[in-house]
């Protein structure tokens, strides 16, 4: 039977743009609000990065927007200042240390919990466990820090219980040396549930025939997990790793800002809080914009590099080749 060619389409099968526009107009109209929001809140503010090349003064004009056109240009002076600033390098060091620590300690936790939940036979028990683990994802960082303060703080449950039994108490919330492990534990408790849902969705797509075939070949539970389950999760793991590497310089803002005065700036200062401190508190908007712009450019390069590495490993990553 001869295949029918859509009206207005060429014989080669390529549909003209006006035909596709008329065909997909309903979908385009549905995506317009999202596109408008992205333009207003994600792309239009990027134009403000021009102040990184200026000595920006918001009071030189009637409002902050027109002040951009009246502020003097200084070229790359702000970036040179950034390179010579030891506080910037201290914040960068803390950021990278926390990123590596969270990547090593946080990333495997959702995978292990997803495998554990997936092995539960009873659907009701699995659903309850998943809901309990996912619930902290909806908590604000204020609530998360408060919960940890009530448990691990100097007046917390553990310290008070030890003191009641004659032991000396402790206060992990003000220990600068253990702060990086503390914030990692907070991140695991808060966001591991979201990762569990992602990996469980990937596990649901694995055909049961693969497990049955492996079991018939004599593979035990561990070998089935190693040869069937983990290869099925590898594309998702590669994608999340690429996104996590691209977000390496953004380990958090509110979480560190809330605990800044408890452990000091030396332990809690990361690039996000450094930009806030220089721009909002000190009013040095041009320098803060330069640091933020450099952080964004490095983040894009990390995404591209990690995605290229994923391609070398045979995975799709964020986008195909």
Foldseek 3Di string as FASTA:
>chain_A
DDDDADPCDDPVNDHDPVVVCVVCVVVVVVCVVVVVVCCVPPPVCVVVLVLLQFQQDQPPDPGNVVSSVVTGGRGNPLVVVLVVDVLNVLQAVLLLVLLVVLVVPQLCLLVVVLVVLVPDDDPVVSVVVLCVQQVLLPDDLVVLVVVCCQDQACVHDVQVVCVVVPHHGDGPLQALVCVSVVVSVSCNSRCSSVSSVVLNVLQVPFDVVLVVVCVVVPDDPVRCCVPGSVVSCVQVSLQVVLVSQLCSQPPDDPNLVVSCVSHHCSRRRHLNVVLCCCCVVVVSPNSSSNSVVVSNVVSVVSSVVSCVVCVVVVHCHPHHD
